Amino acid sequence: MNTKDVLYELRTKNKLSQDELAEKIFVTRQAVSRWENGETVPNTETLKLLSKLYNVSINTLLGSPHRLICQCCGMPLEDEIIGRNKDGSMNENYCKWCYADGTYTYSDLDELIDVCIPQMVKEGFTEDQARNYLRETLPNLDYWKRYEELSDSGQFEEFKKKLIGEINDLHIDGMPRVEKLNALVGRFVNLEYRLPNGETVKFLDDQTTYLGNQLESEFGGDRCFGVLANMDFILISTYGPEGRNPELVLYKKR
C-alpha cells in the first residue's frame, strides 16, 4: 500500500475525521488532506505522533518500504512485537524481547544464542545449524557492533541477579533454584487463573515485557513452575502442558 492509502485507512479505521486527526497531531486539516491525496507526506516529527496515535510503526505508515529486523536477535519485526522506548513510543530497531521500556535485556551474546536456538529448532534447523548461523549473524547486527556504546555497563544484569536471589529466597516447595531469567512478552505468558468464587483473572499486561523462566517441578509429573517478575512484583505459578490448568502459587509485591 502507498503512504496515502495507509494514512487514509488508519484514520477511517479509528473513526476520525480529517479535522479531528489534525487537532490531535497539531496540523491543519488541509495538511491531512494533502497526505491522503498523495501530494505530500508527513515530516519526521509528525510521523512519530501518528505512530504513537495509531500504535503502528513508522515503517507501516510509509507503506512498509523495507523489511525490519531486530538489531539484537535478528528476528523479523512486525508492529505487535516492536520494542518500546521509555515514553511508550516504538523503537523500530528492536523486538520486545531484546528491548523493553528503554532497556536492553541482553548483554551476553552466548546467553541470547541459547535462548534463540530452541525457537529455530522448531522451525526445522538442527541445533548445530542454528548455533552456527547465530554465531555468524548476530555479531554483525547494530546492537552487538555498538555494544560498548549502547550497553548500560551491566546495571540490568545486576538487577536480574538481585531478582534471582529474591526468588530463590522464597524457597517454594518443589521448585528448583532459578539460575537465569529471560525476557518474556506478556501476551505469551498471561495465563488466566481461576479464583475460589469461580471467576477468572489475569495479572499481566499483554504489551509489557517481563523477566521469567519455566522450571520442571521437583515433584515430577507433567506440571511446571512458571516464574515471572519485574521491578514491582514476583509471580510464581504451576501449570500443565501448554499452560493448561494454571494455579497461582505466590504473588508478591517487591
Protein backbone atom coordinates (compact mmCIF):
# COMPACT_ATOMS: atom_id res chain seq x y z
CA MET A 1 0.00 0.00 0.00
CA ASN A 2 1.12 3.57 -0.65
CA THR A 3 1.59 6.00 2.25
CA LYS A 4 -1.54 7.95 1.26
CA ASP A 5 -3.66 4.78 1.36
CA VAL A 6 -2.22 3.69 4.71
CA LEU A 7 -2.92 7.09 6.28
CA TYR A 8 -6.49 7.17 4.95
CA GLU A 9 -7.18 3.61 6.10
CA LEU A 10 -5.81 4.19 9.63
CA ARG A 11 -7.78 7.44 10.04
CA THR A 12 -11.07 5.91 8.95
CA LYS A 13 -10.42 2.71 10.93
CA ASN A 14 -10.03 4.86 14.04
CA LYS A 15 -13.23 6.76 13.17
CA LEU A 16 -11.53 10.15 12.99
CA SER A 17 -12.47 12.97 10.66
CA GLN A 18 -9.68 14.93 8.98
CA ASP A 19 -10.38 17.81 11.37
CA GLU A 20 -10.22 15.55 14.45
CA LEU A 21 -6.94 13.97 13.35
CA ALA A 22 -5.44 17.37 12.57
CA GLU A 23 -6.29 18.60 16.07
CA LYS A 24 -4.70 15.55 17.72
CA ILE A 25 -1.36 15.88 15.90
CA PHE A 26 -1.21 19.71 15.70
CA VAL A 27 -1.52 20.19 11.95
CA THR A 28 -4.18 21.67 9.66
CA ARG A 29 -6.99 19.72 8.03
CA GLN A 30 -5.51 20.78 4.69
CA ALA A 31 -2.25 19.01 5.59
CA VAL A 32 -4.13 15.79 6.33
CA SER A 33 -5.98 16.12 3.04
CA ARG A 34 -2.72 16.58 1.10
CA TRP A 35 -1.25 13.42 2.69
CA GLU A 36 -4.29 11.38 1.74
CA ASN A 37 -4.24 12.75 -1.82
CA GLY A 38 -0.58 11.78 -2.16
CA GLU A 39 0.58 15.38 -2.63
CA THR A 40 2.90 15.36 0.42
CA VAL A 41 3.95 13.05 3.27
CA PRO A 42 4.16 13.90 6.99
CA ASN A 43 7.51 15.10 8.32
CA THR A 44 9.52 13.00 10.77
CA GLU A 45 8.06 14.52 13.95
CA THR A 46 4.51 14.16 12.64
CA LEU A 47 5.19 10.55 11.68
CA LYS A 48 6.24 9.92 15.30
CA LEU A 49 2.96 11.41 16.53
CA LEU A 50 0.96 9.31 14.07
CA SER A 51 2.89 6.19 15.08
CA LYS A 52 2.02 6.77 18.74
CA LEU A 53 -1.61 7.67 17.99
CA TYR A 54 -2.27 4.61 15.81
CA ASN A 55 0.13 2.25 17.64
CA VAL A 56 1.87 1.25 14.42
CA SER A 57 5.45 1.64 13.25
CA ILE A 58 6.65 4.47 11.03
CA ASN A 59 7.65 1.74 8.60
CA THR A 60 3.97 0.74 8.39
CA LEU A 61 2.89 4.37 7.95
CA LEU A 62 5.21 4.67 4.98
CA GLY A 63 3.75 1.57 3.36
CA SER A 64 6.37 -0.85 4.77
CA PRO A 65 9.12 0.25 2.35
CA HIS A 66 11.71 -2.08 3.85
CA ARG A 67 11.85 -5.23 5.97
CA LEU A 68 12.69 -4.56 9.61
CA ILE A 69 14.70 -6.97 11.73
CA CYS A 70 15.69 -6.75 15.38
CA GLN A 71 19.23 -5.40 15.59
CA CYS A 72 19.93 -7.59 18.62
CA CYS A 73 18.50 -11.05 17.81
CA GLY A 74 17.76 -10.79 14.07
CA MET A 75 14.02 -11.55 14.37
CA PRO A 76 11.78 -10.10 11.60
CA LEU A 77 9.78 -7.25 13.15
CA GLU A 78 6.02 -6.83 12.95
CA ASP A 79 4.31 -3.91 14.67
CA GLU A 80 2.95 -6.02 17.53
CA ILE A 81 6.40 -7.19 18.67
CA ILE A 82 8.42 -3.97 18.24
CA GLY A 83 10.19 -2.80 21.42
CA ARG A 84 9.19 0.37 23.24
CA ASN A 85 11.11 3.39 24.49
CA LYS A 86 10.55 4.75 27.99
CA ASP A 87 7.89 7.16 26.69
CA GLY A 88 5.93 4.29 25.11
CA SER A 89 6.92 5.10 21.52
CA MET A 90 8.13 2.32 19.25
CA ASN A 91 11.83 1.66 18.73
CA GLU A 92 11.86 0.11 15.27
CA ASN A 93 15.36 -1.31 15.72
CA TYR A 94 14.43 -3.97 18.30
CA CYS A 95 11.85 -6.57 19.31
CA LYS A 96 10.11 -6.60 22.71
CA TRP A 97 12.27 -9.47 23.89
CA CYS A 98 15.52 -7.58 23.37
CA TYR A 99 14.41 -4.04 24.26
CA ALA A 100 11.68 -3.10 26.72
CA ASP A 101 10.77 0.28 28.23
CA GLY A 102 14.04 1.79 27.06
CA THR A 103 16.17 -1.06 28.45
CA TYR A 104 18.28 -3.58 26.55
CA THR A 105 17.59 -7.00 28.05
CA TYR A 106 20.63 -8.91 26.75
CA SER A 107 24.29 -8.19 27.47
CA ASP A 108 25.65 -11.70 26.86
CA LEU A 109 25.71 -12.90 23.25
CA ASP A 110 26.05 -16.57 24.24
CA GLU A 111 23.00 -16.31 26.51
CA LEU A 112 20.94 -14.82 23.67
CA ILE A 113 22.07 -17.60 21.33
CA ASP A 114 20.99 -20.23 23.87
CA VAL A 115 17.54 -18.57 24.05
CA CYS A 116 17.16 -18.37 20.25
CA ILE A 117 18.26 -21.92 19.41
CA PRO A 118 15.08 -23.73 20.64
CA GLN A 119 12.91 -21.41 18.53
CA MET A 120 15.00 -22.10 15.42
CA VAL A 121 14.91 -25.85 16.08
CA LYS A 122 11.09 -25.61 16.00
CA GLU A 123 11.44 -24.09 12.53
CA GLY A 124 13.45 -27.05 11.22
CA PHE A 125 17.06 -26.16 12.00
CA THR A 126 19.32 -28.62 13.80
CA GLU A 127 20.85 -27.28 16.99
CA ASP A 128 24.29 -27.10 15.36
CA GLN A 129 22.92 -25.31 12.30
CA ALA A 130 21.12 -22.78 14.50
CA ARG A 131 24.15 -22.14 16.69
CA ASN A 132 26.50 -21.70 13.73
CA TYR A 133 24.06 -19.39 11.96
CA LEU A 134 23.55 -17.22 15.06
CA ARG A 135 27.27 -17.03 15.84
CA GLU A 136 27.91 -15.82 12.30
CA THR A 137 24.94 -13.45 12.01
CA LEU A 138 24.36 -11.76 15.38
CA PRO A 139 27.77 -10.08 15.77
CA ASN A 140 27.03 -8.15 12.56
CA LEU A 141 23.84 -6.61 13.94
CA ASP A 142 23.95 -2.99 15.10
CA TYR A 143 23.46 -3.67 18.83
CA TRP A 144 26.39 -6.06 19.11
CA LYS A 145 28.63 -3.93 16.88
CA ARG A 146 27.89 -0.91 19.10
CA TYR A 147 27.61 -2.82 22.37
CA GLU A 148 30.11 -0.69 24.30
CA GLU A 149 28.21 2.43 23.28
CA LEU A 150 24.67 1.12 23.84
CA SER A 151 25.07 -1.11 26.91
CA ASP A 152 24.30 0.05 30.46
CA SER A 153 27.62 -1.18 31.93
CA GLY A 154 25.96 -4.24 33.45
CA GLN A 155 23.27 -2.48 35.52
CA PHE A 156 20.43 -4.56 34.12
CA GLU A 157 22.37 -7.77 34.68
CA GLU A 158 22.89 -6.75 38.30
CA PHE A 159 19.15 -6.17 38.64
CA LYS A 160 18.46 -9.66 37.25
CA LYS A 161 20.92 -11.21 39.72
CA LYS A 162 19.21 -9.43 42.60
CA LEU A 163 15.81 -10.57 41.38
CA ILE A 164 17.01 -14.18 41.05
CA GLY A 165 18.26 -14.03 44.65
CA GLU A 166 14.88 -12.76 45.88
CA ILE A 167 13.04 -15.54 44.03
CA ASN A 168 15.31 -18.27 45.37
CA ASP A 169 14.95 -16.88 48.91
CA LEU A 170 11.21 -17.65 48.71
CA HIS A 171 12.04 -21.41 48.93
CA ILE A 172 8.95 -22.59 47.04
CA ASP A 173 8.40 -26.32 47.70
CA GLY A 174 9.19 -28.41 44.64
CA MET A 175 10.60 -25.54 42.60
CA PRO A 176 14.27 -25.80 41.53
CA ARG A 177 16.59 -22.86 42.04
CA VAL A 178 16.31 -20.19 39.36
CA GLU A 179 19.60 -19.79 37.50
CA LYS A 180 18.57 -17.25 34.87
CA LEU A 181 15.69 -15.04 33.76
CA ASN A 182 14.72 -14.40 30.14
CA ALA A 183 12.69 -11.60 28.57
CA LEU A 184 9.05 -12.73 28.06
CA VAL A 185 6.30 -10.71 26.39
CA GLY A 186 3.08 -10.55 28.40
CA ARG A 187 0.66 -11.84 25.77
CA PHE A 188 2.57 -15.12 25.51
CA VAL A 189 2.58 -15.82 29.26
CA ASN A 190 -0.54 -14.03 30.54
CA LEU A 191 -2.35 -17.06 31.96
CA GLU A 192 -5.90 -16.91 33.28
CA TYR A 193 -6.24 -18.07 36.90
CA ARG A 194 -9.48 -19.28 38.44
CA LEU A 195 -10.49 -17.67 41.73
CA PRO A 196 -12.32 -19.54 44.57
CA ASN A 197 -15.59 -17.81 43.57
CA GLY A 198 -15.32 -19.25 40.05
CA GLU A 199 -14.28 -16.04 38.35
CA THR A 200 -11.01 -15.82 36.42
CA VAL A 201 -8.29 -13.18 36.49
CA LYS A 202 -5.13 -12.25 34.59
CA PHE A 203 -2.30 -10.40 36.31
CA LEU A 204 -0.17 -9.25 33.37
CA ASP A 205 -0.28 -6.65 30.62
CA ASP A 206 -0.16 -8.30 27.18
CA GLN A 207 2.02 -5.49 25.80
CA THR A 208 4.62 -5.43 28.61
CA THR A 209 7.90 -7.36 28.63
CA TYR A 210 8.68 -9.27 31.85
CA LEU A 211 11.52 -11.42 33.13
CA GLY A 212 10.81 -15.09 33.73
CA ASN A 213 11.54 -18.75 33.22
CA GLN A 214 9.86 -22.18 33.17
CA LEU A 215 11.16 -24.87 35.53
CA GLU A 216 10.33 -28.56 35.79
CA SER A 217 8.80 -29.48 39.15
CA GLU A 218 10.97 -31.49 41.52
CA PHE A 219 7.81 -33.46 42.37
CA GLY A 220 7.82 -34.98 38.88
CA GLY A 221 4.77 -35.28 36.65
CA ASP A 222 3.90 -33.02 33.76
CA ARG A 223 3.35 -29.77 35.67
CA CYS A 224 5.91 -26.98 35.53
CA PHE A 225 6.63 -23.92 37.61
CA GLY A 226 6.38 -20.55 35.89
CA VAL A 227 8.32 -17.59 37.24
CA LEU A 228 7.54 -14.02 36.17
CA ALA A 229 8.78 -10.77 37.66
CA ASN A 230 9.65 -7.14 37.08
CA MET A 231 10.59 -4.19 39.26
CA ASP A 232 7.21 -4.28 41.01
CA PHE A 233 6.29 -7.92 41.68
CA ILE A 234 7.20 -11.62 41.65
CA LEU A 235 4.64 -14.17 40.42
CA ILE A 236 5.04 -17.95 40.81
CA SER A 237 2.56 -20.40 39.29
CA THR A 238 2.26 -24.01 38.21
CA TYR A 239 0.58 -25.31 35.06
CA GLY A 240 0.25 -28.32 32.84
CA PRO A 241 1.41 -28.80 29.23
CA GLU A 242 0.96 -25.69 27.05
CA GLY A 243 -0.05 -23.63 30.09
CA ARG A 244 -3.24 -25.58 30.82
CA ASN A 245 -4.92 -25.53 34.26
CA PRO A 246 -2.71 -22.82 35.79
CA GLU A 247 -2.66 -22.37 39.57
CA LEU A 248 -1.25 -19.32 41.31
CA VAL A 249 1.35 -20.23 43.97
CA LEU A 250 2.52 -16.77 45.00
CA TYR A 251 2.10 -13.14 44.05
CA LYS A 252 4.43 -10.83 45.95
CA LYS A 253 4.94 -7.10 45.58
CA ARG A 254 8.56 -6.01 45.74
